Amino acid sequence: MANIKSAKKRILVTAKKTERNKAIKSKVKTMIKKVESAIAAQDKELAKANLIVAVTEIDKACSKGIMHKNTAARKVSRLTKKVNNLA
């Protein structure tokens, strides 16, 4: 355990940030799964609706520095392509 006051604070701050990042990453994964399950069910309207929500969550994660901008762009691109290929 840390003895110096600033080191103790860093531990607390890091723990708080880690929890926040985990929650946001989890939410992004959940939204992606919802889109993919709608695609698997061949429900284009639901897939489009879920895609909008998923893209918003991915963009939020990217803006907060939790996800790299290229990773975010790649995920959005692949999801959009899957939804657009539904017949």
C-alpha atoms as a PDB file:
ATOM      1  CA  MET A   1       0.000   0.000   0.000  1.00  0.00           C
ATOM      2  CA  ALA A   2       1.164   3.517  -0.772  1.00  0.00           C
ATOM      3  CA  ASN A   3       2.385   5.762   2.063  1.00  0.00           C
ATOM      4  CA  ILE A   4       2.619   9.082   0.229  1.00  0.00           C
ATOM      5  CA  LYS A   5      -0.568  11.157   0.091  1.00  0.00           C
ATOM      6  CA  SER A   6      -0.371  11.809  -3.666  1.00  0.00           C
ATOM      7  CA  ALA A   7       0.185   8.096  -4.353  1.00  0.00           C
ATOM      8  CA  LYS A   8      -2.913   7.231  -2.293  1.00  0.00           C
ATOM      9  CA  LYS A   9      -4.909   9.742  -4.300  1.00  0.00           C
ATOM     10  CA  ARG A  10      -3.631   8.316  -7.607  1.00  0.00           C
ATOM     11  CA  ILE A  11      -4.837   4.860  -6.515  1.00  0.00           C
ATOM     12  CA  LEU A  12      -8.328   6.212  -5.795  1.00  0.00           C
ATOM     13  CA  VAL A  13      -8.499   8.232  -9.015  1.00  0.00           C
ATOM     14  CA  THR A  14      -7.282   5.291 -11.105  1.00  0.00           C
ATOM     15  CA  ALA A  15      -9.874   2.983  -9.545  1.00  0.00           C
ATOM     16  CA  LYS A  16     -12.645   5.480 -10.293  1.00  0.00           C
ATOM     17  CA  LYS A  17     -11.532   5.940 -13.908  1.00  0.00           C
ATOM     18  CA  THR A  18     -11.209   2.184 -14.389  1.00  0.00           C
ATOM     19  CA  GLU A  19     -14.804   1.660 -13.242  1.00  0.00           C
ATOM     20  CA  ARG A  20     -16.051   4.407 -15.569  1.00  0.00           C
ATOM     21  CA  ASN A  21     -14.144   2.985 -18.527  1.00  0.00           C
ATOM     22  CA  LYS A  22     -15.409  -0.544 -17.821  1.00  0.00           C
ATOM     23  CA  ALA A  23     -19.014   0.664 -17.701  1.00  0.00           C
ATOM     24  CA  ILE A  24     -18.716   2.538 -20.992  1.00  0.00           C
ATOM     25  CA  LYS A  25     -16.929  -0.356 -22.757  1.00  0.00           C
ATOM     26  CA  SER A  26     -19.603  -2.741 -21.503  1.00  0.00           C
ATOM     27  CA  LYS A  27     -22.384  -0.479 -22.797  1.00  0.00           C
ATOM     28  CA  VAL A  28     -20.716  -0.277 -26.232  1.00  0.00           C
ATOM     29  CA  LYS A  29     -20.408  -4.083 -26.408  1.00  0.00           C
ATOM     30  CA  THR A  30     -24.062  -4.496 -25.388  1.00  0.00           C
ATOM     31  CA  MET A  31     -25.245  -2.106 -28.104  1.00  0.00           C
ATOM     32  CA  ILE A  32     -23.134  -3.881 -30.737  1.00  0.00           C
ATOM     33  CA  LYS A  33     -24.617  -7.230 -29.653  1.00  0.00           C
ATOM     34  CA  LYS A  34     -28.146  -5.802 -29.966  1.00  0.00           C
ATOM     35  CA  VAL A  35     -27.450  -4.730 -33.553  1.00  0.00           C
ATOM     36  CA  GLU A  36     -25.912  -8.100 -34.424  1.00  0.00           C
ATOM     37  CA  SER A  37     -28.825 -10.023 -32.889  1.00  0.00           C
ATOM     38  CA  ALA A  38     -31.287  -7.928 -34.942  1.00  0.00           C
ATOM     39  CA  ILE A  39     -29.215  -8.712 -38.055  1.00  0.00           C
ATOM     40  CA  ALA A  40     -29.290 -12.422 -37.198  1.00  0.00           C
ATOM     41  CA  ALA A  41     -33.080 -12.208 -36.856  1.00  0.00           C
ATOM     42  CA  GLN A  42     -33.265 -10.468 -40.274  1.00  0.00           C
ATOM     43  CA  ASP A  43     -35.149  -7.526 -38.686  1.00  0.00           C
ATOM     44  CA  LYS A  44     -33.947  -4.542 -40.716  1.00  0.00           C
ATOM     45  CA  GLU A  45     -35.992  -1.871 -38.902  1.00  0.00           C
ATOM     46  CA  LEU A  46     -34.814  -2.985 -35.460  1.00  0.00           C
ATOM     47  CA  ALA A  47     -31.240  -3.269 -36.744  1.00  0.00           C
ATOM     48  CA  LYS A  48     -31.355   0.300 -38.087  1.00  0.00           C
ATOM     49  CA  ALA A  49     -32.792   1.633 -34.814  1.00  0.00           C
ATOM     50  CA  ASN A  50     -30.181  -0.213 -32.753  1.00  0.00           C
ATOM     51  CA  LEU A  51     -27.426   0.895 -35.131  1.00  0.00           C
ATOM     52  CA  ILE A  52     -28.164   4.557 -34.420  1.00  0.00           C
ATOM     53  CA  VAL A  53     -27.915   3.934 -30.667  1.00  0.00           C
ATOM     54  CA  ALA A  54     -24.742   1.857 -31.074  1.00  0.00           C
ATOM     55  CA  VAL A  55     -23.028   4.495 -33.208  1.00  0.00           C
ATOM     56  CA  THR A  56     -23.874   7.150 -30.610  1.00  0.00           C
ATOM     57  CA  GLU A  57     -22.372   5.041 -27.804  1.00  0.00           C
ATOM     58  CA  ILE A  58     -19.248   4.269 -29.854  1.00  0.00           C
ATOM     59  CA  ASP A  59     -18.790   7.981 -30.609  1.00  0.00           C
ATOM     60  CA  LYS A  60     -19.167   8.848 -26.918  1.00  0.00           C
ATOM     61  CA  ALA A  61     -16.533   6.261 -25.972  1.00  0.00           C
ATOM     62  CA  CYS A  62     -14.228   7.657 -28.652  1.00  0.00           C
ATOM     63  CA  SER A  63     -14.673  11.257 -27.501  1.00  0.00           C
ATOM     64  CA  LYS A  64     -13.899  10.294 -23.888  1.00  0.00           C
ATOM     65  CA  GLY A  65     -10.664   8.609 -24.947  1.00  0.00           C
ATOM     66  CA  ILE A  66     -11.793   5.103 -24.039  1.00  0.00           C
ATOM     67  CA  MET A  67     -11.625   3.920 -27.635  1.00  0.00           C
ATOM     68  CA  HIS A  68      -9.181   5.032 -30.346  1.00  0.00           C
ATOM     69  CA  LYS A  69     -10.791   6.992 -33.183  1.00  0.00           C
ATOM     70  CA  ASN A  70      -9.733   4.460 -35.824  1.00  0.00           C
ATOM     71  CA  THR A  71     -11.144   1.580 -33.767  1.00  0.00           C
ATOM     72  CA  ALA A  72     -14.416   3.459 -33.371  1.00  0.00           C
ATOM     73  CA  ALA A  73     -14.565   4.217 -37.103  1.00  0.00           C
ATOM     74  CA  ARG A  74     -13.860   0.569 -37.943  1.00  0.00           C
ATOM     75  CA  LYS A  75     -16.611  -0.712 -35.636  1.00  0.00           C
ATOM     76  CA  VAL A  76     -19.143   1.789 -37.003  1.00  0.00           C
ATOM     77  CA  SER A  77     -18.187   0.957 -40.586  1.00  0.00           C
ATOM     78  CA  ARG A  78     -18.497  -2.800 -40.123  1.00  0.00           C
ATOM     79  CA  LEU A  79     -21.828  -2.547 -38.301  1.00  0.00           C
ATOM     80  CA  THR A  80     -23.248  -0.180 -40.938  1.00  0.00           C
ATOM     81  CA  LYS A  81     -22.114  -2.474 -43.722  1.00  0.00           C
ATOM     82  CA  LYS A  82     -23.801  -5.473 -42.056  1.00  0.00           C
ATOM     83  CA  VAL A  83     -27.074  -3.560 -41.618  1.00  0.00           C
ATOM     84  CA  ASN A  84     -27.009  -2.265 -45.206  1.00  0.00           C
ATOM     85  CA  ASN A  85     -26.457  -5.786 -46.577  1.00  0.00           C
ATOM     86  CA  LEU A  86     -29.744  -7.003 -45.062  1.00  0.00           C
ATOM     87  CA  ALA A  87     -32.084  -7.708 -47.967  1.00  0.00           C
END
